[in-house]
PDB file of all heavy atoms in Angstrom:
ATOM      1  N   GLY A   1      -8.587   8.371   2.757  1.00  0.00           N
ATOM      2  CA  GLY A   1      -7.598   7.301   2.723  1.00  0.00           C
ATOM      3  C   GLY A   1      -8.114   6.076   3.447  1.00  0.00           C
ATOM      4  O   GLY A   1      -8.950   6.184   4.353  1.00  0.00           O
ATOM      5  N   LEU A   2      -7.618   4.917   3.049  1.00  0.00           N
ATOM      6  CA  LEU A   2      -7.983   3.652   3.692  1.00  0.00           C
ATOM      7  C   LEU A   2      -6.707   2.865   3.952  1.00  0.00           C
ATOM      8  O   LEU A   2      -6.019   2.477   3.011  1.00  0.00           O
ATOM      9  CB  LEU A   2      -8.947   2.854   2.811  1.00  0.00           C
ATOM     10  CG  LEU A   2      -9.375   1.471   3.318  1.00  0.00           C
ATOM     11  CD1 LEU A   2     -10.017   1.571   4.698  1.00  0.00           C
ATOM     12  CD2 LEU A   2     -10.335   0.813   2.327  1.00  0.00           C
ATOM     13  N   MET A   3      -6.386   2.669   5.213  1.00  0.00           N
ATOM     14  CA  MET A   3      -5.186   1.951   5.609  1.00  0.00           C
ATOM     15  C   MET A   3      -5.582   0.564   6.107  1.00  0.00           C
ATOM     16  O   MET A   3      -6.253   0.434   7.131  1.00  0.00           O
ATOM     17  CB  MET A   3      -4.426   2.725   6.699  1.00  0.00           C
ATOM     18  CG  MET A   3      -3.092   2.122   7.071  1.00  0.00           C
ATOM     19  SD  MET A   3      -2.071   3.279   8.034  1.00  0.00           S
ATOM     20  CE  MET A   3      -2.861   3.201   9.630  1.00  0.00           C
ATOM     21  N   ASP A   4      -5.201  -0.450   5.362  1.00  0.00           N
ATOM     22  CA  ASP A   4      -5.562  -1.838   5.673  1.00  0.00           C
ATOM     23  C   ASP A   4      -4.521  -2.425   6.612  1.00  0.00           C
ATOM     24  O   ASP A   4      -3.442  -2.821   6.192  1.00  0.00           O
ATOM     25  CB  ASP A   4      -5.641  -2.639   4.363  1.00  0.00           C
ATOM     26  CG  ASP A   4      -6.051  -4.084   4.593  1.00  0.00           C
ATOM     27  OD1 ASP A   4      -6.430  -4.428   5.726  1.00  0.00           O
ATOM     28  OD2 ASP A   4      -5.983  -4.874   3.627  1.00  0.00           O
ATOM     29  N   CYS A   5      -4.849  -2.471   7.896  1.00  0.00           N
ATOM     30  CA  CYS A   5      -3.926  -3.002   8.897  1.00  0.00           C
ATOM     31  C   CYS A   5      -4.232  -4.450   9.256  1.00  0.00           C
ATOM     32  O   CYS A   5      -3.720  -4.954  10.270  1.00  0.00           O
ATOM     33  CB  CYS A   5      -3.963  -2.143  10.156  1.00  0.00           C
ATOM     34  SG  CYS A   5      -3.067  -0.598   9.991  1.00  0.00           S
ATOM     35  N   ASP A   6      -5.077  -5.098   8.466  1.00  0.00           N
ATOM     36  CA  ASP A   6      -5.332  -6.528   8.696  1.00  0.00           C
ATOM     37  C   ASP A   6      -4.148  -7.292   8.115  1.00  0.00           C
ATOM     38  O   ASP A   6      -4.188  -7.771   6.975  1.00  0.00           O
ATOM     39  CB  ASP A   6      -6.646  -6.943   8.044  1.00  0.00           C
ATOM     40  CG  ASP A   6      -7.161  -8.260   8.610  1.00  0.00           C
ATOM     41  OD1 ASP A   6      -6.343  -9.006   9.191  1.00  0.00           O
ATOM     42  OD2 ASP A   6      -8.354  -8.543   8.472  1.00  0.00           O
ATOM     43  N   ILE A   7      -3.073  -7.383   8.887  1.00  0.00           N
ATOM     44  CA  ILE A   7      -1.798  -7.897   8.409  1.00  0.00           C
ATOM     45  C   ILE A   7      -1.912  -9.334   7.911  1.00  0.00           C
ATOM     46  O   ILE A   7      -1.349  -9.704   6.874  1.00  0.00           O
ATOM     47  CB  ILE A   7      -0.730  -7.813   9.523  1.00  0.00           C
ATOM     48  CG1 ILE A   7      -0.622  -6.379  10.058  1.00  0.00           C
ATOM     49  CG2 ILE A   7       0.612  -8.317   9.026  1.00  0.00           C
ATOM     50  CD1 ILE A   7      -0.182  -5.370   9.041  1.00  0.00           C
ATOM     51  N   TYR A   8      -2.650 -10.164   8.638  1.00  0.00           N
ATOM     52  CA  TYR A   8      -2.689 -11.589   8.305  1.00  0.00           C
ATOM     53  C   TYR A   8      -3.653 -11.920   7.165  1.00  0.00           C
ATOM     54  O   TYR A   8      -3.439 -12.884   6.433  1.00  0.00           O
ATOM     55  CB  TYR A   8      -3.090 -12.398   9.548  1.00  0.00           C
ATOM     56  CG  TYR A   8      -2.103 -12.291  10.681  1.00  0.00           C
ATOM     57  CD1 TYR A   8      -2.454 -11.706  11.888  1.00  0.00           C
ATOM     58  CD2 TYR A   8      -0.801 -12.768  10.538  1.00  0.00           C
ATOM     59  CE1 TYR A   8      -1.544 -11.600  12.933  1.00  0.00           C
ATOM     60  CE2 TYR A   8       0.112 -12.674  11.567  1.00  0.00           C
ATOM     61  CZ  TYR A   8      -0.266 -12.091  12.766  1.00  0.00           C
ATOM     62  OH  TYR A   8       0.638 -11.977  13.779  1.00  0.00           O
ATOM     63  N   GLY A   9      -4.704 -11.134   7.013  1.00  0.00           N
ATOM     64  CA  GLY A   9      -5.674 -11.440   5.963  1.00  0.00           C
ATOM     65  C   GLY A   9      -6.127 -10.200   5.227  1.00  0.00           C
ATOM     66  O   GLY A   9      -7.313  -9.827   5.288  1.00  0.00           O
ATOM     67  N   PRO A  10      -5.224  -9.513   4.524  1.00  0.00           N
ATOM     68  CA  PRO A  10      -5.611  -8.274   3.828  1.00  0.00           C
ATOM     69  C   PRO A  10      -6.532  -8.545   2.649  1.00  0.00           C
ATOM     70  O   PRO A  10      -6.138  -9.190   1.684  1.00  0.00           O
ATOM     71  CB  PRO A  10      -4.261  -7.706   3.370  1.00  0.00           C
ATOM     72  CG  PRO A  10      -3.355  -8.904   3.246  1.00  0.00           C
ATOM     73  CD  PRO A  10      -3.796  -9.858   4.304  1.00  0.00           C
ATOM     74  N   SER A  11      -7.754  -8.045   2.722  1.00  0.00           N
ATOM     75  CA  SER A  11      -8.724  -8.263   1.640  1.00  0.00           C
ATOM     76  C   SER A  11      -9.117  -6.966   0.955  1.00  0.00           C
ATOM     77  O   SER A  11      -9.855  -6.989  -0.040  1.00  0.00           O
ATOM     78  CB  SER A  11      -9.981  -8.946   2.198  1.00  0.00           C
ATOM     79  OG  SER A  11     -10.524  -8.215   3.276  1.00  0.00           O
ATOM     80  N   VAL A  12      -8.638  -5.841   1.449  1.00  0.00           N
ATOM     81  CA  VAL A  12      -9.000  -4.548   0.865  1.00  0.00           C
ATOM     82  C   VAL A  12      -8.578  -4.428  -0.602  1.00  0.00           C
ATOM     83  O   VAL A  12      -9.359  -3.910  -1.424  1.00  0.00           O
ATOM     84  CB  VAL A  12      -8.420  -3.403   1.714  1.00  0.00           C
ATOM     85  CG1 VAL A  12      -8.501  -2.079   0.974  1.00  0.00           C
ATOM     86  CG2 VAL A  12      -9.165  -3.308   3.039  1.00  0.00           C
ATOM     87  N   PRO A  13      -7.358  -4.871  -1.000  1.00  0.00           N
ATOM     88  CA  PRO A  13      -6.995  -4.748  -2.418  1.00  0.00           C
ATOM     89  C   PRO A  13      -8.000  -5.421  -3.356  1.00  0.00           C
ATOM     90  O   PRO A  13      -8.366  -4.847  -4.389  1.00  0.00           O
ATOM     91  CB  PRO A  13      -5.625  -5.431  -2.489  1.00  0.00           C
ATOM     92  CG  PRO A  13      -5.040  -5.231  -1.128  1.00  0.00           C
ATOM     93  CD  PRO A  13      -6.219  -5.365  -0.196  1.00  0.00           C
ATOM     94  N   LEU A  14      -8.457  -6.616  -3.010  1.00  0.00           N
ATOM     95  CA  LEU A  14      -9.452  -7.311  -3.830  1.00  0.00           C
ATOM     96  C   LEU A  14     -10.740  -6.506  -3.907  1.00  0.00           C
ATOM     97  O   LEU A  14     -11.293  -6.293  -4.992  1.00  0.00           O
ATOM     98  CB  LEU A  14      -9.740  -8.693  -3.244  1.00  0.00           C
ATOM     99  CG  LEU A  14     -10.931  -9.453  -3.854  1.00  0.00           C
ATOM    100  CD1 LEU A  14     -10.639  -9.843  -5.297  1.00  0.00           C
ATOM    101  CD2 LEU A  14     -11.277 -10.683  -3.017  1.00  0.00           C
ATOM    102  N   MET A  15     -11.224  -6.047  -2.773  1.00  0.00           N
ATOM    103  CA  MET A  15     -12.500  -5.348  -2.733  1.00  0.00           C
ATOM    104  C   MET A  15     -12.455  -3.997  -3.431  1.00  0.00           C
ATOM    105  O   MET A  15     -13.476  -3.512  -3.932  1.00  0.00           O
ATOM    106  CB  MET A  15     -12.950  -5.159  -1.277  1.00  0.00           C
ATOM    107  CG  MET A  15     -13.253  -6.454  -0.556  1.00  0.00           C
ATOM    108  SD  MET A  15     -13.784  -6.150   1.145  1.00  0.00           S
ATOM    109  CE  MET A  15     -13.957  -7.842   1.722  1.00  0.00           C
ATOM    110  N   MET A  16     -11.258  -3.374  -3.464  1.00  0.00           N
ATOM    111  CA  MET A  16     -11.121  -2.084  -4.133  1.00  0.00           C
ATOM    112  C   MET A  16     -10.707  -2.232  -5.594  1.00  0.00           C
ATOM    113  O   MET A  16     -10.594  -1.235  -6.318  1.00  0.00           O
ATOM    114  CB  MET A  16     -10.091  -1.228  -3.399  1.00  0.00           C
ATOM    115  CG  MET A  16     -10.561  -0.743  -2.040  1.00  0.00           C
ATOM    116  SD  MET A  16     -11.945   0.430  -2.115  1.00  0.00           S
ATOM    117  CE  MET A  16     -11.136   1.877  -2.798  1.00  0.00           C
ATOM    118  N   GLY A  17     -10.470  -3.473  -6.048  1.00  0.00           N
ATOM    119  CA  GLY A  17     -10.078  -3.686  -7.435  1.00  0.00           C
ATOM    120  C   GLY A  17      -8.672  -3.218  -7.733  1.00  0.00           C
ATOM    121  O   GLY A  17      -8.383  -2.724  -8.824  1.00  0.00           O
ATOM    122  N   LEU A  18      -7.758  -3.374  -6.756  1.00  0.00           N
ATOM    123  CA  LEU A  18      -6.382  -2.915  -6.902  1.00  0.00           C
ATOM    124  C   LEU A  18      -5.418  -4.081  -6.861  1.00  0.00           C
ATOM    125  O   LEU A  18      -5.609  -5.043  -6.111  1.00  0.00           O
ATOM    126  CB  LEU A  18      -6.021  -1.936  -5.771  1.00  0.00           C
ATOM    127  CG  LEU A  18      -6.673  -0.553  -5.819  1.00  0.00           C
ATOM    128  CD1 LEU A  18      -6.457   0.174  -4.510  1.00  0.00           C
ATOM    129  CD2 LEU A  18      -6.104   0.264  -6.974  1.00  0.00           C
ATOM    130  N   ASP A  19      -4.354  -4.008  -7.670  1.00  0.00           N
ATOM    131  CA  ASP A  19      -3.263  -4.971  -7.576  1.00  0.00           C
ATOM    132  C   ASP A  19      -1.979  -4.253  -7.968  1.00  0.00           C
ATOM    133  O   ASP A  19      -1.974  -3.071  -8.292  1.00  0.00           O
ATOM    134  CB  ASP A  19      -3.509  -6.209  -8.450  1.00  0.00           C
ATOM    135  CG  ASP A  19      -3.761  -5.849  -9.904  1.00  0.00           C
ATOM    136  OD1 ASP A  19      -3.360  -4.737 -10.331  1.00  0.00           O
ATOM    137  OD2 ASP A  19      -4.341  -6.665 -10.627  1.00  0.00           O
ATOM    138  N   GLY A  20      -0.868  -4.982  -7.932  1.00  0.00           N
ATOM    139  CA  GLY A  20       0.419  -4.367  -8.234  1.00  0.00           C
ATOM    140  C   GLY A  20       1.115  -3.910  -6.975  1.00  0.00           C
ATOM    141  O   GLY A  20       0.736  -4.275  -5.851  1.00  0.00           O
ATOM    142  N   ARG A  21       2.156  -3.083  -7.153  1.00  0.00           N
ATOM    143  CA  ARG A  21       2.975  -2.614  -6.038  1.00  0.00           C
ATOM    144  C   ARG A  21       2.953  -1.090  -5.974  1.00  0.00           C
ATOM    145  O   ARG A  21       2.933  -0.423  -7.007  1.00  0.00           O
ATOM    146  CB  ARG A  21       4.429  -3.070  -6.205  1.00  0.00           C
ATOM    147  CG  ARG A  21       4.603  -4.570  -6.424  1.00  0.00           C
ATOM    148  CD  ARG A  21       4.256  -5.370  -5.189  1.00  0.00           C
ATOM    149  NE  ARG A  21       4.536  -6.790  -5.389  1.00  0.00           N
ATOM    150  CZ  ARG A  21       4.246  -7.739  -4.512  1.00  0.00           C
ATOM    151  NH1 ARG A  21       3.661  -7.419  -3.373  1.00  0.00           N
ATOM    152  NH2 ARG A  21       4.533  -9.005  -4.762  1.00  0.00           N
ATOM    153  N   PRO A  22       2.985  -0.533  -4.765  1.00  0.00           N
ATOM    154  CA  PRO A  22       3.048   0.927  -4.656  1.00  0.00           C
ATOM    155  C   PRO A  22       4.406   1.457  -5.069  1.00  0.00           C
ATOM    156  O   PRO A  22       5.423   0.777  -4.931  1.00  0.00           O
ATOM    157  CB  PRO A  22       2.798   1.177  -3.162  1.00  0.00           C
ATOM    158  CG  PRO A  22       3.226  -0.088  -2.489  1.00  0.00           C
ATOM    159  CD  PRO A  22       2.916  -1.197  -3.460  1.00  0.00           C
ATOM    160  N   GLU A  23       4.445   2.665  -5.592  1.00  0.00           N
ATOM    161  CA  GLU A  23       5.699   3.296  -5.969  1.00  0.00           C
ATOM    162  C   GLU A  23       6.401   3.850  -4.734  1.00  0.00           C
ATOM    163  O   GLU A  23       5.796   4.010  -3.673  1.00  0.00           O
ATOM    164  CB  GLU A  23       5.439   4.424  -6.976  1.00  0.00           C
ATOM    165  CG  GLU A  23       4.884   3.946  -8.308  1.00  0.00           C
ATOM    166  CD  GLU A  23       4.701   5.082  -9.288  1.00  0.00           C
ATOM    167  OE1 GLU A  23       4.952   6.244  -8.893  1.00  0.00           O
ATOM    168  OE2 GLU A  23       4.299   4.818 -10.432  1.00  0.00           O
ATOM    169  N   ILE A  24       7.692   4.144  -4.897  1.00  0.00           N
ATOM    170  CA  ILE A  24       8.491   4.695  -3.811  1.00  0.00           C
ATOM    171  C   ILE A  24       9.013   6.055  -4.233  1.00  0.00           C
ATOM    172  O   ILE A  24       9.460   6.233  -5.362  1.00  0.00           O
ATOM    173  CB  ILE A  24       9.702   3.790  -3.479  1.00  0.00           C
ATOM    174  CG1 ILE A  24       9.250   2.369  -3.215  1.00  0.00           C
ATOM    175  CG2 ILE A  24      10.486   4.348  -2.301  1.00  0.00           C
ATOM    176  CD1 ILE A  24      10.390   1.388  -3.103  1.00  0.00           C
ATOM    177  N   GLU A  25       8.936   7.013  -3.329  1.00  0.00           N
ATOM    178  CA  GLU A  25       9.543   8.313  -3.550  1.00  0.00           C
ATOM    179  C   GLU A  25      10.599   8.542  -2.478  1.00  0.00           C
ATOM    180  O   GLU A  25      10.373   8.259  -1.303  1.00  0.00           O
ATOM    181  CB  GLU A  25       8.493   9.431  -3.491  1.00  0.00           C
ATOM    182  CG  GLU A  25       7.564   9.449  -4.689  1.00  0.00           C
ATOM    183  CD  GLU A  25       6.711  10.701  -4.728  1.00  0.00           C
ATOM    184  OE1 GLU A  25       6.931  11.582  -3.865  1.00  0.00           O
ATOM    185  OE2 GLU A  25       5.832  10.797  -5.594  1.00  0.00           O
ATOM    186  N   GLY A  26      11.744   9.057  -2.888  1.00  0.00           N
ATOM    187  CA  GLY A  26      12.825   9.280  -1.943  1.00  0.00           C
ATOM    188  C   GLY A  26      13.668   8.037  -1.776  1.00  0.00           C
ATOM    189  O   GLY A  26      13.530   7.049  -2.499  1.00  0.00           O
ATOM    190  N   GLU A  27      14.562   8.060  -0.820  1.00  0.00           N
ATOM    191  CA  GLU A  27      15.459   6.936  -0.593  1.00  0.00           C
ATOM    192  C   GLU A  27      15.887   6.896   0.867  1.00  0.00           C
ATOM    193  O   GLU A  27      15.745   7.860   1.615  1.00  0.00           O
ATOM    194  CB  GLU A  27      16.711   7.027  -1.491  1.00  0.00           C
ATOM    195  CG  GLU A  27      17.577   8.232  -1.251  1.00  0.00           C
ATOM    196  CD  GLU A  27      16.966   9.506  -1.802  1.00  0.00           C
ATOM    197  OE1 GLU A  27      16.327   9.458  -2.870  1.00  0.00           O
ATOM    198  OE2 GLU A  27      17.110  10.534  -1.129  1.00  0.00           O
ATOM    199  N   GLY A  28      16.390   5.733   1.246  1.00  0.00           N
ATOM    200  CA  GLY A  28      16.892   5.551   2.602  1.00  0.00           C
ATOM    201  C   GLY A  28      15.833   5.843   3.644  1.00  0.00           C
ATOM    202  O   GLY A  28      14.672   5.452   3.518  1.00  0.00           O
ATOM    203  N   ALA A  29      16.227   6.569   4.697  1.00  0.00           N
ATOM    204  CA  ALA A  29      15.314   6.871   5.787  1.00  0.00           C
ATOM    205  C   ALA A  29      14.191   7.811   5.359  1.00  0.00           C
ATOM    206  O   ALA A  29      13.158   7.900   6.027  1.00  0.00           O
ATOM    207  CB  ALA A  29      16.083   7.485   6.958  1.00  0.00           C
ATOM    208  N   ASP A  30      14.377   8.537   4.235  1.00  0.00           N
ATOM    209  CA  ASP A  30      13.369   9.483   3.767  1.00  0.00           C
ATOM    210  C   ASP A  30      12.429   8.881   2.723  1.00  0.00           C
ATOM    211  O   ASP A  30      11.566   9.580   2.185  1.00  0.00           O
ATOM    212  CB  ASP A  30      14.044  10.721   3.167  1.00  0.00           C
ATOM    213  CG  ASP A  30      14.840  11.496   4.200  1.00  0.00           C
ATOM    214  OD1 ASP A  30      14.377  11.564   5.359  1.00  0.00           O
ATOM    215  OD2 ASP A  30      15.920  12.011   3.867  1.00  0.00           O
ATOM    216  N   ALA A  31      12.593   7.599   2.401  1.00  0.00           N
ATOM    217  CA  ALA A  31      11.762   6.973   1.369  1.00  0.00           C
ATOM    218  C   ALA A  31      10.305   6.887   1.835  1.00  0.00           C
ATOM    219  O   ALA A  31      10.025   6.617   3.004  1.00  0.00           O
ATOM    220  CB  ALA A  31      12.293   5.584   1.053  1.00  0.00           C
ATOM    221  N   MET A  32       9.395   7.150   0.921  1.00  0.00           N
ATOM    222  CA  MET A  32       7.968   7.124   1.213  1.00  0.00           C
ATOM    223  C   MET A  32       7.251   6.246   0.196  1.00  0.00           C
ATOM    224  O   MET A  32       7.533   6.305  -1.009  1.00  0.00           O
ATOM    225  CB  MET A  32       7.377   8.531   1.162  1.00  0.00           C
ATOM    226  CG  MET A  32       8.018   9.536   2.116  1.00  0.00           C
ATOM    227  SD  MET A  32       7.520   9.266   3.833  1.00  0.00           S
ATOM    228  CE  MET A  32       5.854   9.916   3.800  1.00  0.00           C
ATOM    229  N   LEU A  33       6.329   5.429   0.668  1.00  0.00           N
ATOM    230  CA  LEU A  33       5.465   4.654  -0.210  1.00  0.00           C
ATOM    231  C   LEU A  33       4.308   5.539  -0.667  1.00  0.00           C
ATOM    232  O   LEU A  33       3.742   6.293   0.125  1.00  0.00           O
ATOM    233  CB  LEU A  33       4.920   3.430   0.517  1.00  0.00           C
ATOM    234  CG  LEU A  33       5.920   2.319   0.856  1.00  0.00           C
ATOM    235  CD1 LEU A  33       5.274   1.307   1.788  1.00  0.00           C
ATOM    236  CD2 LEU A  33       6.397   1.631  -0.402  1.00  0.00           C
ATOM    237  N   VAL A  34       3.970   5.454  -1.941  1.00  0.00           N
ATOM    238  CA  VAL A  34       2.859   6.234  -2.487  1.00  0.00           C
ATOM    239  C   VAL A  34       1.627   5.328  -2.540  1.00  0.00           C
ATOM    240  O   VAL A  34       1.642   4.291  -3.206  1.00  0.00           O
ATOM    241  CB  VAL A  34       3.186   6.749  -3.900  1.00  0.00           C
ATOM    242  CG1 VAL A  34       2.015   7.551  -4.448  1.00  0.00           C
ATOM    243  CG2 VAL A  34       4.454   7.591  -3.875  1.00  0.00           C
ATOM    244  N   PRO A  35       0.561   5.675  -1.821  1.00  0.00           N
ATOM    245  CA  PRO A  35      -0.626   4.806  -1.814  1.00  0.00           C
ATOM    246  C   PRO A  35      -1.242   4.694  -3.198  1.00  0.00           C
ATOM    247  O   PRO A  35      -1.165   5.616  -4.010  1.00  0.00           O
ATOM    248  CB  PRO A  35      -1.568   5.512  -0.826  1.00  0.00           C
ATOM    249  CG  PRO A  35      -1.116   6.928  -0.802  1.00  0.00           C
ATOM    250  CD  PRO A  35       0.368   6.893  -1.030  1.00  0.00           C
ATOM    251  N   MET A  36      -1.853   3.552  -3.467  1.00  0.00           N
ATOM    252  CA  MET A  36      -2.588   3.376  -4.707  1.00  0.00           C
ATOM    253  C   MET A  36      -3.974   3.994  -4.547  1.00  0.00           C
ATOM    254  O   MET A  36      -4.447   4.190  -3.416  1.00  0.00           O
ATOM    255  CB  MET A  36      -2.669   1.886  -5.065  1.00  0.00           C
ATOM    256  CG  MET A  36      -1.293   1.233  -5.139  1.00  0.00           C
ATOM    257  SD  MET A  36      -1.327  -0.517  -5.589  1.00  0.00           S
ATOM    258  CE  MET A  36      -1.553  -0.377  -7.346  1.00  0.00           C
TER     259      MET A  36
END
């Protein structure tokens, strides 16, 4: 896994060839983001 914590200048999506939005599983306090 690769967690991009460069909040102000995230460049990992470009370098990995990824775009779009992550999906969500669950709801409310149990909701989880699914990594791309």
